[in-house]
Amino acid sequence: MVTATGDEQVLYDVVDGVATVTLSRPERMNAFTAVMGRQIVDCIDRSDQDDAVRAVILTGTGRAFCAGADLARGGATFDYGSQEGDVPHRDGGGIVSLRLFRSLKPVIAAVNGAAVGVGVTMTLPTDYRIAAETARFGFVFTRRGIVPEACSTWFLPRLVGIARAMEWVTSGRLFPAAEAMTGGLVQEVHPPGQLLDRAHDVAHSLTAETSPVSVALSRRMLWSGLAASGPEVAHLVESRAMRVRGGMADIREGVEAFLAHRPADFPDRVSEVAPGLLAELGLDGEAPA
């Protein structure tokens, strides 16, 4: 069943253990608004709380994934001081990126069309990115007189390397899906009509035979490890994680199922144990550090 959130800028649909979060402002090429940002966050909250959801797909409606910030206010669009007075500004794209970073479920971005500005930076914290052959990407901030946002100065160099990130960001140019794949921004490119089917295949491949709790912990450990000062930090986190997981029901089931040559039926529930385990591991902070 497809459900709308708020004024229907984002749709939320769960089928066969996969939640699809669809940006739905096709008349504006899914341009990003504060309402859309809040609704994306709400959808990830819902997926985290639903143990029937094993993975999340993030995609768009119509010919665009997201054409960037809604520029309806013209030249005042990014004048946050005049909008908020003395309230410290928090970048809306960054709030979305941090929520995607903290997701307890793997997130697959299925980029169905133009992904520009926040439309591309919001995909960086996702775990697997695939694109339609017709998709185009652009970190266009310098061409609008602003700067990168949505935590992209942290994520992008780690994903594609500093040299490529620097060229894409400083030039602000648009580039095709083929270049995005060559550069490591997306893992796969497909004809538009095959994109969502492939996204579902990826979602099931990541979750079909795995422990949901172990996936949630491993996802956070890998992302957070990118900011570690050295392998010793990872060793300590991994040692604590092995200790706290070692006596839990999932471990016994995983080993016994393997020895019995049968599929595992992991009993631990993400909503019940993952938040506490992440806190014990020191991986529950809001910022990727």
C-alpha atoms as a PDB file:
ATOM      1  CA  MET A   1       0.000   0.000   0.000  1.00  0.00           C
ATOM      2  CA  VAL A   2       1.277   3.446  -0.927  1.00  0.00           C
ATOM      3  CA  THR A   3       0.777   6.085   1.731  1.00  0.00           C
ATOM      4  CA  ALA A   4       1.342   9.819   1.491  1.00  0.00           C
ATOM      5  CA  THR A   5       3.009  11.879   4.167  1.00  0.00           C
ATOM      6  CA  GLY A   6       1.797  15.401   4.922  1.00  0.00           C
ATOM      7  CA  ASP A   7       1.051  17.220   1.675  1.00  0.00           C
ATOM      8  CA  GLU A   8       2.273  14.281  -0.393  1.00  0.00           C
ATOM      9  CA  GLN A   9       5.747  15.493  -1.323  1.00  0.00           C
ATOM     10  CA  VAL A  10       7.046  12.044  -0.383  1.00  0.00           C
ATOM     11  CA  LEU A  11       5.342   8.651  -0.766  1.00  0.00           C
ATOM     12  CA  TYR A  12       6.060   5.619   1.395  1.00  0.00           C
ATOM     13  CA  ASP A  13       5.380   2.082   0.181  1.00  0.00           C
ATOM     14  CA  VAL A  14       6.306  -1.298   1.700  1.00  0.00           C
ATOM     15  CA  VAL A  15       6.306  -4.430  -0.442  1.00  0.00           C
ATOM     16  CA  ASP A  16       7.951  -7.737   0.404  1.00  0.00           C
ATOM     17  CA  GLY A  17      10.159  -6.311   3.132  1.00  0.00           C
ATOM     18  CA  VAL A  18      11.369  -3.307   1.124  1.00  0.00           C
ATOM     19  CA  ALA A  19      10.238   0.258   1.864  1.00  0.00           C
ATOM     20  CA  THR A  20      10.257   2.576  -1.153  1.00  0.00           C
ATOM     21  CA  VAL A  21      10.565   6.282  -0.360  1.00  0.00           C
ATOM     22  CA  THR A  22       9.567   8.265  -3.456  1.00  0.00           C
ATOM     23  CA  LEU A  23      10.113  11.990  -3.899  1.00  0.00           C
ATOM     24  CA  SER A  24       6.846  13.160  -5.407  1.00  0.00           C
ATOM     25  CA  ARG A  25       6.793  16.684  -6.797  1.00  0.00           C
ATOM     26  CA  PRO A  26       7.012  15.748 -10.483  1.00  0.00           C
ATOM     27  CA  GLU A  27       5.645  19.101 -11.644  1.00  0.00           C
ATOM     28  CA  ARG A  28       8.731  20.720 -10.021  1.00  0.00           C
ATOM     29  CA  MET A  29      11.164  17.920 -10.927  1.00  0.00           C
ATOM     30  CA  ASN A  30      10.999  16.861  -7.269  1.00  0.00           C
ATOM     31  CA  ALA A  31      12.738  20.063  -6.170  1.00  0.00           C
ATOM     32  CA  PHE A  32      13.713  19.879  -2.514  1.00  0.00           C
ATOM     33  CA  THR A  33      11.740  21.803   0.131  1.00  0.00           C
ATOM     34  CA  ALA A  34      11.794  21.887   3.918  1.00  0.00           C
ATOM     35  CA  VAL A  35       8.560  19.877   3.879  1.00  0.00           C
ATOM     36  CA  MET A  36      10.133  17.226   1.668  1.00  0.00           C
ATOM     37  CA  GLY A  37      13.138  17.014   3.973  1.00  0.00           C
ATOM     38  CA  ARG A  38      10.937  16.470   7.029  1.00  0.00           C
ATOM     39  CA  GLN A  39       8.930  13.818   5.224  1.00  0.00           C
ATOM     40  CA  ILE A  40      12.056  11.900   4.154  1.00  0.00           C
ATOM     41  CA  VAL A  41      13.187  11.896   7.784  1.00  0.00           C
ATOM     42  CA  ASP A  42       9.726  10.684   8.853  1.00  0.00           C
ATOM     43  CA  CYS A  43       9.905   7.841   6.333  1.00  0.00           C
ATOM     44  CA  ILE A  44      13.282   6.663   7.642  1.00  0.00           C
ATOM     45  CA  ASP A  45      11.882   6.846  11.170  1.00  0.00           C
ATOM     46  CA  ARG A  46       9.035   4.589  10.033  1.00  0.00           C
ATOM     47  CA  SER A  47      11.328   2.095   8.344  1.00  0.00           C
ATOM     48  CA  ASP A  48      13.595   1.888  11.397  1.00  0.00           C
ATOM     49  CA  GLN A  49      10.631   1.140  13.655  1.00  0.00           C
ATOM     50  CA  ASP A  50       9.152  -1.536  11.372  1.00  0.00           C
ATOM     51  CA  ASP A  51      10.961  -4.852  11.782  1.00  0.00           C
ATOM     52  CA  ALA A  52       9.204  -6.163   8.659  1.00  0.00           C
ATOM     53  CA  VAL A  53      11.241  -3.660   6.614  1.00  0.00           C
ATOM     54  CA  ARG A  54      14.675  -5.017   5.751  1.00  0.00           C
ATOM     55  CA  ALA A  55      15.873  -2.364   3.264  1.00  0.00           C
ATOM     56  CA  VAL A  56      14.897   1.038   1.869  1.00  0.00           C
ATOM     57  CA  ILE A  57      14.862   2.326  -1.715  1.00  0.00           C
ATOM     58  CA  LEU A  58      15.045   6.089  -2.285  1.00  0.00           C
ATOM     59  CA  THR A  59      13.849   7.236  -5.716  1.00  0.00           C
ATOM     60  CA  GLY A  60      11.875   9.938  -7.530  1.00  0.00           C
ATOM     61  CA  THR A  61       8.670  10.344  -9.519  1.00  0.00           C
ATOM     62  CA  GLY A  62       8.678  11.423 -13.144  1.00  0.00           C
ATOM     63  CA  ARG A  63      11.694  12.448 -15.189  1.00  0.00           C
ATOM     64  CA  ALA A  64      13.853  13.662 -12.302  1.00  0.00           C
ATOM     65  CA  PHE A  65      15.215  12.216  -9.102  1.00  0.00           C
ATOM     66  CA  CYS A  66      15.589  15.670  -7.537  1.00  0.00           C
ATOM     67  CA  ALA A  67      16.530  18.831  -9.430  1.00  0.00           C
ATOM     68  CA  GLY A  68      17.965  20.487  -6.326  1.00  0.00           C
ATOM     69  CA  ALA A  69      16.547  23.107  -3.996  1.00  0.00           C
ATOM     70  CA  ASP A  70      13.228  24.692  -4.902  1.00  0.00           C
ATOM     71  CA  LEU A  71      14.153  28.163  -6.194  1.00  0.00           C
ATOM     72  CA  ALA A  72      10.654  29.636  -5.947  1.00  0.00           C
ATOM     73  CA  ARG A  73      11.962  32.472  -3.732  1.00  0.00           C
ATOM     74  CA  GLY A  74      14.398  33.518  -6.433  1.00  0.00           C
ATOM     75  CA  GLY A  75      17.580  35.246  -5.318  1.00  0.00           C
ATOM     76  CA  ALA A  76      16.447  35.108  -1.674  1.00  0.00           C
ATOM     77  CA  THR A  77      16.207  31.302  -1.687  1.00  0.00           C
ATOM     78  CA  PHE A  78      19.378  30.822   0.332  1.00  0.00           C
ATOM     79  CA  ASP A  79      19.134  33.971   2.461  1.00  0.00           C
ATOM     80  CA  TYR A  80      18.669  32.036   5.672  1.00  0.00           C
ATOM     81  CA  GLY A  81      19.420  35.016   7.882  1.00  0.00           C
ATOM     82  CA  SER A  82      16.352  36.885   6.653  1.00  0.00           C
ATOM     83  CA  GLN A  83      14.231  33.748   7.092  1.00  0.00           C
ATOM     84  CA  GLU A  84      15.321  32.732  10.582  1.00  0.00           C
ATOM     85  CA  GLY A  85      16.478  35.836  12.407  1.00  0.00           C
ATOM     86  CA  ASP A  86      18.887  34.915  15.180  1.00  0.00           C
ATOM     87  CA  VAL A  87      18.124  31.182  15.043  1.00  0.00           C
ATOM     88  CA  PRO A  88      21.297  29.208  14.140  1.00  0.00           C
ATOM     89  CA  HIS A  89      20.921  27.739  10.675  1.00  0.00           C
ATOM     90  CA  ARG A  90      20.825  23.965  10.190  1.00  0.00           C
ATOM     91  CA  ASP A  91      21.092  22.911   6.574  1.00  0.00           C
ATOM     92  CA  GLY A  92      17.965  20.920   5.672  1.00  0.00           C
ATOM     93  CA  GLY A  93      19.868  18.663   3.285  1.00  0.00           C
ATOM     94  CA  GLY A  94      22.322  17.898   6.061  1.00  0.00           C
ATOM     95  CA  ILE A  95      19.513  16.870   8.387  1.00  0.00           C
ATOM     96  CA  VAL A  96      18.318  14.426   5.719  1.00  0.00           C
ATOM     97  CA  SER A  97      21.837  13.099   5.101  1.00  0.00           C
ATOM     98  CA  LEU A  98      22.463  12.552   8.802  1.00  0.00           C
ATOM     99  CA  ARG A  99      19.167  10.681   9.127  1.00  0.00           C
ATOM    100  CA  LEU A 100      20.068   8.458   6.182  1.00  0.00           C
ATOM    101  CA  PHE A 101      23.493   7.915   7.739  1.00  0.00           C
ATOM    102  CA  ARG A 102      21.797   6.787  10.973  1.00  0.00           C
ATOM    103  CA  SER A 103      19.329   4.465   9.220  1.00  0.00           C
ATOM    104  CA  LEU A 104      19.186   1.004  10.760  1.00  0.00           C
ATOM    105  CA  LYS A 105      18.351  -0.490   7.361  1.00  0.00           C
ATOM    106  CA  PRO A 106      20.454  -0.506   4.167  1.00  0.00           C
ATOM    107  CA  VAL A 107      19.407   2.288   1.797  1.00  0.00           C
ATOM    108  CA  ILE A 108      19.574   1.967  -1.991  1.00  0.00           C
ATOM    109  CA  ALA A 109      19.321   5.139  -4.090  1.00  0.00           C
ATOM    110  CA  ALA A 110      17.653   4.499  -7.449  1.00  0.00           C
ATOM    111  CA  VAL A 111      18.441   7.702  -9.348  1.00  0.00           C
ATOM    112  CA  ASN A 112      15.801   7.773 -12.066  1.00  0.00           C
ATOM    113  CA  GLY A 113      16.698  11.151 -13.601  1.00  0.00           C
ATOM    114  CA  ALA A 114      18.376  14.481 -12.902  1.00  0.00           C
ATOM    115  CA  ALA A 115      20.137  14.578  -9.516  1.00  0.00           C
ATOM    116  CA  VAL A 116      21.473  18.078  -8.972  1.00  0.00           C
ATOM    117  CA  GLY A 117      22.592  19.968  -5.866  1.00  0.00           C
ATOM    118  CA  VAL A 118      20.894  18.453  -2.846  1.00  0.00           C
ATOM    119  CA  GLY A 119      19.411  15.932  -5.276  1.00  0.00           C
ATOM    120  CA  VAL A 120      22.811  14.284  -5.536  1.00  0.00           C
ATOM    121  CA  THR A 121      24.295  15.109  -2.134  1.00  0.00           C
ATOM    122  CA  MET A 122      21.397  13.448  -0.279  1.00  0.00           C
ATOM    123  CA  THR A 123      22.307  10.157  -1.990  1.00  0.00           C
ATOM    124  CA  LEU A 124      25.868  10.103  -0.667  1.00  0.00           C
ATOM    125  CA  PRO A 125      25.039   8.468   2.720  1.00  0.00           C
ATOM    126  CA  THR A 126      23.095   5.685   0.989  1.00  0.00           C
ATOM    127  CA  ASP A 127      24.735   2.285   0.816  1.00  0.00           C
ATOM    128  CA  TYR A 128      24.208   1.440  -2.832  1.00  0.00           C
ATOM    129  CA  ARG A 129      23.543   3.859  -5.681  1.00  0.00           C
ATOM    130  CA  ILE A 130      22.244   2.860  -9.093  1.00  0.00           C
ATOM    131  CA  ALA A 131      21.192   5.183 -11.893  1.00  0.00           C
ATOM    132  CA  ALA A 132      19.167   5.247 -15.064  1.00  0.00           C
ATOM    133  CA  GLU A 133      21.179   5.681 -18.242  1.00  0.00           C
ATOM    134  CA  THR A 134      19.403   9.005 -18.740  1.00  0.00           C
ATOM    135  CA  ALA A 135      20.297  10.389 -15.288  1.00  0.00           C
ATOM    136  CA  ARG A 136      22.516  13.441 -15.001  1.00  0.00           C
ATOM    137  CA  PHE A 137      24.399  14.626 -11.943  1.00  0.00           C
ATOM    138  CA  GLY A 138      25.730  17.972 -10.826  1.00  0.00           C
ATOM    139  CA  PHE A 139      27.317  19.458  -7.713  1.00  0.00           C
ATOM    140  CA  VAL A 140      26.269  22.892  -8.995  1.00  0.00           C
ATOM    141  CA  PHE A 141      26.799  24.955  -5.842  1.00  0.00           C
ATOM    142  CA  THR A 142      29.620  27.139  -7.145  1.00  0.00           C
ATOM    143  CA  ARG A 143      27.456  28.020 -10.148  1.00  0.00           C
ATOM    144  CA  ARG A 144      24.788  29.380  -7.794  1.00  0.00           C
ATOM    145  CA  GLY A 145      27.177  31.303  -5.577  1.00  0.00           C
ATOM    146  CA  ILE A 146      26.758  28.958  -2.611  1.00  0.00           C
ATOM    147  CA  VAL A 147      28.774  26.065  -1.176  1.00  0.00           C
ATOM    148  CA  PRO A 148      28.304  22.278  -0.864  1.00  0.00           C
ATOM    149  CA  GLU A 149      25.828  21.062   1.751  1.00  0.00           C
ATOM    150  CA  ALA A 150      24.120  17.902   3.049  1.00  0.00           C
ATOM    151  CA  CYS A 151      27.402  16.755   4.652  1.00  0.00           C
ATOM    152  CA  SER A 152      28.785  16.272   1.129  1.00  0.00           C
ATOM    153  CA  THR A 153      32.230  17.676   1.961  1.00  0.00           C
ATOM    154  CA  TRP A 154      32.594  14.705   4.335  1.00  0.00           C
ATOM    155  CA  PHE A 155      30.961  11.980   2.252  1.00  0.00           C
ATOM    156  CA  LEU A 156      31.963  12.789  -1.325  1.00  0.00           C
ATOM    157  CA  PRO A 157      35.797  12.657  -1.022  1.00  0.00           C
ATOM    158  CA  ARG A 158      35.495   9.410   0.910  1.00  0.00           C
ATOM    159  CA  LEU A 159      33.380   7.873  -1.835  1.00  0.00           C
ATOM    160  CA  VAL A 160      35.183   9.066  -4.971  1.00  0.00           C
ATOM    161  CA  GLY A 161      38.532  10.475  -3.793  1.00  0.00           C
ATOM    162  CA  ILE A 162      39.538  14.080  -3.256  1.00  0.00           C
ATOM    163  CA  ALA A 163      40.727  14.766  -6.816  1.00  0.00           C
ATOM    164  CA  ARG A 164      37.477  13.780  -8.504  1.00  0.00           C
ATOM    165  CA  ALA A 165      35.373  15.387  -5.778  1.00  0.00           C
ATOM    166  CA  MET A 166      37.323  18.623  -6.179  1.00  0.00           C
ATOM    167  CA  GLU A 167      36.803  18.712  -9.945  1.00  0.00           C
ATOM    168  CA  TRP A 168      33.091  17.963  -9.780  1.00  0.00           C
ATOM    169  CA  VAL A 169      32.455  20.484  -6.992  1.00  0.00           C
ATOM    170  CA  THR A 170      34.644  23.368  -8.143  1.00  0.00           C
ATOM    171  CA  SER A 171      33.463  23.187 -11.760  1.00  0.00           C
ATOM    172  CA  GLY A 172      29.833  22.669 -10.829  1.00  0.00           C
ATOM    173  CA  ARG A 173      29.294  21.010 -14.190  1.00  0.00           C
ATOM    174  CA  LEU A 174      26.648  18.463 -15.104  1.00  0.00           C
ATOM    175  CA  PHE A 175      27.857  14.983 -16.023  1.00  0.00           C
ATOM    176  CA  PRO A 176      26.159  11.803 -17.279  1.00  0.00           C
ATOM    177  CA  ALA A 177      25.440   8.548 -15.503  1.00  0.00           C
ATOM    178  CA  ALA A 178      28.310   6.809 -17.296  1.00  0.00           C
ATOM    179  CA  GLU A 179      30.808   9.263 -15.779  1.00  0.00           C
ATOM    180  CA  ALA A 180      29.160   8.893 -12.376  1.00  0.00           C
ATOM    181  CA  MET A 181      29.762   5.155 -12.543  1.00  0.00           C
ATOM    182  CA  THR A 182      33.333   5.484 -13.794  1.00  0.00           C
ATOM    183  CA  GLY A 183      34.021   7.925 -10.969  1.00  0.00           C
ATOM    184  CA  GLY A 184      32.568   5.678  -8.260  1.00  0.00           C
ATOM    185  CA  LEU A 185      29.520   7.814  -7.479  1.00  0.00           C
ATOM    186  CA  VAL A 186      27.133   5.062  -8.591  1.00  0.00           C
ATOM    187  CA  GLN A 187      27.759   1.331  -8.751  1.00  0.00           C
ATOM    188  CA  GLU A 188      25.460   0.453 -11.659  1.00  0.00           C
ATOM    189  CA  VAL A 189      23.691   2.061 -14.634  1.00  0.00           C
ATOM    190  CA  HIS A 190      20.566   0.575 -16.222  1.00  0.00           C
ATOM    191  CA  PRO A 191      17.855   1.441 -18.756  1.00  0.00           C
ATOM    192  CA  PRO A 192      15.152   3.531 -17.025  1.00  0.00           C
ATOM    193  CA  GLY A 193      12.539   0.799 -17.248  1.00  0.00           C
ATOM    194  CA  GLN A 194      14.753  -1.657 -15.379  1.00  0.00           C
ATOM    195  CA  LEU A 195      15.903   0.629 -12.579  1.00  0.00           C
ATOM    196  CA  LEU A 196      13.392  -0.130  -9.824  1.00  0.00           C
ATOM    197  CA  ASP A 197      13.398  -3.858 -10.495  1.00  0.00           C
ATOM    198  CA  ARG A 198      17.172  -3.830 -10.131  1.00  0.00           C
ATOM    199  CA  ALA A 199      16.906  -1.752  -6.935  1.00  0.00           C
ATOM    200  CA  HIS A 200      14.613  -4.396  -5.455  1.00  0.00           C
ATOM    201  CA  ASP A 201      17.044  -7.125  -6.517  1.00  0.00           C
ATOM    202  CA  VAL A 202      19.839  -5.288  -4.723  1.00  0.00           C
ATOM    203  CA  ALA A 203      17.694  -4.803  -1.617  1.00  0.00           C
ATOM    204  CA  HIS A 204      16.937  -8.511  -1.414  1.00  0.00           C
ATOM    205  CA  SER A 205      20.540  -9.501  -2.118  1.00  0.00           C
ATOM    206  CA  LEU A 206      21.663  -7.402   0.865  1.00  0.00           C
ATOM    207  CA  THR A 207      19.097  -8.848   3.261  1.00  0.00           C
ATOM    208  CA  ALA A 208      17.860 -12.286   2.167  1.00  0.00           C
ATOM    209  CA  GLU A 209      20.255 -14.387   4.264  1.00  0.00           C
ATOM    210  CA  THR A 210      21.540 -11.887   6.817  1.00  0.00           C
ATOM    211  CA  SER A 211      20.787 -10.937  10.392  1.00  0.00           C
ATOM    212  CA  PRO A 212      18.954  -7.584  10.422  1.00  0.00           C
ATOM    213  CA  VAL A 213      20.733  -6.532  13.625  1.00  0.00           C
ATOM    214  CA  SER A 214      24.151  -7.492  12.285  1.00  0.00           C
ATOM    215  CA  VAL A 215      23.442  -5.529   9.103  1.00  0.00           C
ATOM    216  CA  ALA A 216      22.459  -2.463  11.146  1.00  0.00           C
ATOM    217  CA  LEU A 217      25.611  -2.645  13.262  1.00  0.00           C
ATOM    218  CA  SER A 218      27.949  -3.428  10.359  1.00  0.00           C
ATOM    219  CA  ARG A 219      26.538  -0.544   8.313  1.00  0.00           C
ATOM    220  CA  ARG A 220      27.256   1.962  11.092  1.00  0.00           C
ATOM    221  CA  MET A 221      30.655   0.480  11.878  1.00  0.00           C
ATOM    222  CA  LEU A 222      31.799   0.811   8.266  1.00  0.00           C
ATOM    223  CA  TRP A 223      30.626   4.414   7.872  1.00  0.00           C
ATOM    224  CA  SER A 224      32.037   5.480  11.220  1.00  0.00           C
ATOM    225  CA  GLY A 225      35.298   3.704  10.524  1.00  0.00           C
ATOM    226  CA  LEU A 226      35.956   6.161   7.697  1.00  0.00           C
ATOM    227  CA  ALA A 227      36.663   8.808  10.332  1.00  0.00           C
ATOM    228  CA  ALA A 228      38.795   6.616  12.590  1.00  0.00           C
ATOM    229  CA  SER A 229      42.363   7.751  13.224  1.00  0.00           C
ATOM    230  CA  GLY A 230      43.764   4.302  12.514  1.00  0.00           C
ATOM    231  CA  PRO A 231      43.021   0.556  12.439  1.00  0.00           C
ATOM    232  CA  GLU A 232      43.453   0.319  16.203  1.00  0.00           C
ATOM    233  CA  VAL A 233      40.208   2.273  16.639  1.00  0.00           C
ATOM    234  CA  ALA A 234      38.393  -0.168  14.381  1.00  0.00           C
ATOM    235  CA  HIS A 235      39.921  -3.083  16.278  1.00  0.00           C
ATOM    236  CA  LEU A 236      38.532  -1.811  19.589  1.00  0.00           C
ATOM    237  CA  VAL A 237      35.049  -1.166  18.155  1.00  0.00           C
ATOM    238  CA  GLU A 238      34.976  -4.564  16.446  1.00  0.00           C
ATOM    239  CA  SER A 239      36.147  -6.301  19.619  1.00  0.00           C
ATOM    240  CA  ARG A 240      33.362  -4.672  21.649  1.00  0.00           C
ATOM    241  CA  ALA A 241      30.826  -5.525  18.952  1.00  0.00           C
ATOM    242  CA  MET A 242      31.886  -9.173  18.873  1.00  0.00           C
ATOM    243  CA  ARG A 243      31.643  -9.326  22.656  1.00  0.00           C
ATOM    244  CA  VAL A 244      28.160  -7.846  22.895  1.00  0.00           C
ATOM    245  CA  ARG A 245      26.849  -9.896  19.973  1.00  0.00           C
ATOM    246  CA  GLY A 246      28.579 -13.132  20.923  1.00  0.00           C
ATOM    247  CA  GLY A 247      25.997 -14.287  23.455  1.00  0.00           C
ATOM    248  CA  MET A 248      22.869 -13.163  21.626  1.00  0.00           C
ATOM    249  CA  ALA A 249      20.293 -15.400  19.986  1.00  0.00           C
ATOM    250  CA  ASP A 250      21.233 -14.421  16.436  1.00  0.00           C
ATOM    251  CA  ILE A 251      24.734 -15.826  16.843  1.00  0.00           C
ATOM    252  CA  ARG A 252      23.504 -19.195  18.057  1.00  0.00           C
ATOM    253  CA  GLU A 253      20.934 -19.377  15.268  1.00  0.00           C
ATOM    254  CA  GLY A 254      23.414 -18.370  12.585  1.00  0.00           C
ATOM    255  CA  VAL A 255      25.957 -20.992  13.585  1.00  0.00           C
ATOM    256  CA  GLU A 256      23.414 -23.773  14.164  1.00  0.00           C
ATOM    257  CA  ALA A 257      21.690 -23.071  10.832  1.00  0.00           C
ATOM    258  CA  PHE A 258      25.035 -23.226   9.033  1.00  0.00           C
ATOM    259  CA  LEU A 259      25.965 -26.530  10.673  1.00  0.00           C
ATOM    260  CA  ALA A 260      22.516 -27.962   9.887  1.00  0.00           C
ATOM    261  CA  HIS A 261      22.627 -26.760   6.257  1.00  0.00           C
ATOM    262  CA  ARG A 262      19.356 -24.857   6.608  1.00  0.00           C
ATOM    263  CA  PRO A 263      18.362 -21.203   6.198  1.00  0.00           C
ATOM    264  CA  ALA A 264      18.785 -19.144   9.352  1.00  0.00           C
ATOM    265  CA  ASP A 265      15.781 -17.570  11.058  1.00  0.00           C
ATOM    266  CA  PHE A 266      17.369 -14.752  13.042  1.00  0.00           C
ATOM    267  CA  PRO A 267      15.262 -13.860  16.125  1.00  0.00           C
ATOM    268  CA  ASP A 268      16.846 -10.580  17.282  1.00  0.00           C
ATOM    269  CA  ARG A 269      14.775  -7.537  16.306  1.00  0.00           C
ATOM    270  CA  VAL A 270      16.348  -4.311  15.093  1.00  0.00           C
ATOM    271  CA  SER A 271      13.831  -2.033  16.803  1.00  0.00           C
ATOM    272  CA  GLU A 272      14.427  -3.718  20.172  1.00  0.00           C
ATOM    273  CA  VAL A 273      18.185  -4.215  20.345  1.00  0.00           C
ATOM    274  CA  ALA A 274      20.027  -2.190  17.692  1.00  0.00           C
ATOM    275  CA  PRO A 275      19.704   1.268  19.324  1.00  0.00           C
ATOM    276  CA  GLY A 276      21.052  -0.007  22.631  1.00  0.00           C
ATOM    277  CA  LEU A 277      23.901  -1.886  20.986  1.00  0.00           C
ATOM    278  CA  LEU A 278      24.916   1.181  18.966  1.00  0.00           C
ATOM    279  CA  ALA A 279      24.917   3.240  22.157  1.00  0.00           C
ATOM    280  CA  GLU A 280      27.102   0.638  23.890  1.00  0.00           C
ATOM    281  CA  LEU A 281      29.527   0.773  20.972  1.00  0.00           C
ATOM    282  CA  GLY A 282      29.590   4.579  21.001  1.00  0.00           C
ATOM    283  CA  LEU A 283      28.118   4.695  17.489  1.00  0.00           C
ATOM    284  CA  ASP A 284      24.803   6.396  18.236  1.00  0.00           C
ATOM    285  CA  GLY A 285      25.868  10.030  17.788  1.00  0.00           C
ATOM    286  CA  GLU A 286      24.181  12.373  15.321  1.00  0.00           C
ATOM    287  CA  ALA A 287      27.363  13.198  13.410  1.00  0.00           C
ATOM    288  CA  PRO A 288      29.524  10.748  11.444  1.00  0.00           C
ATOM    289  CA  ALA A 289      32.620  10.815  13.605  1.00  0.00           C
END
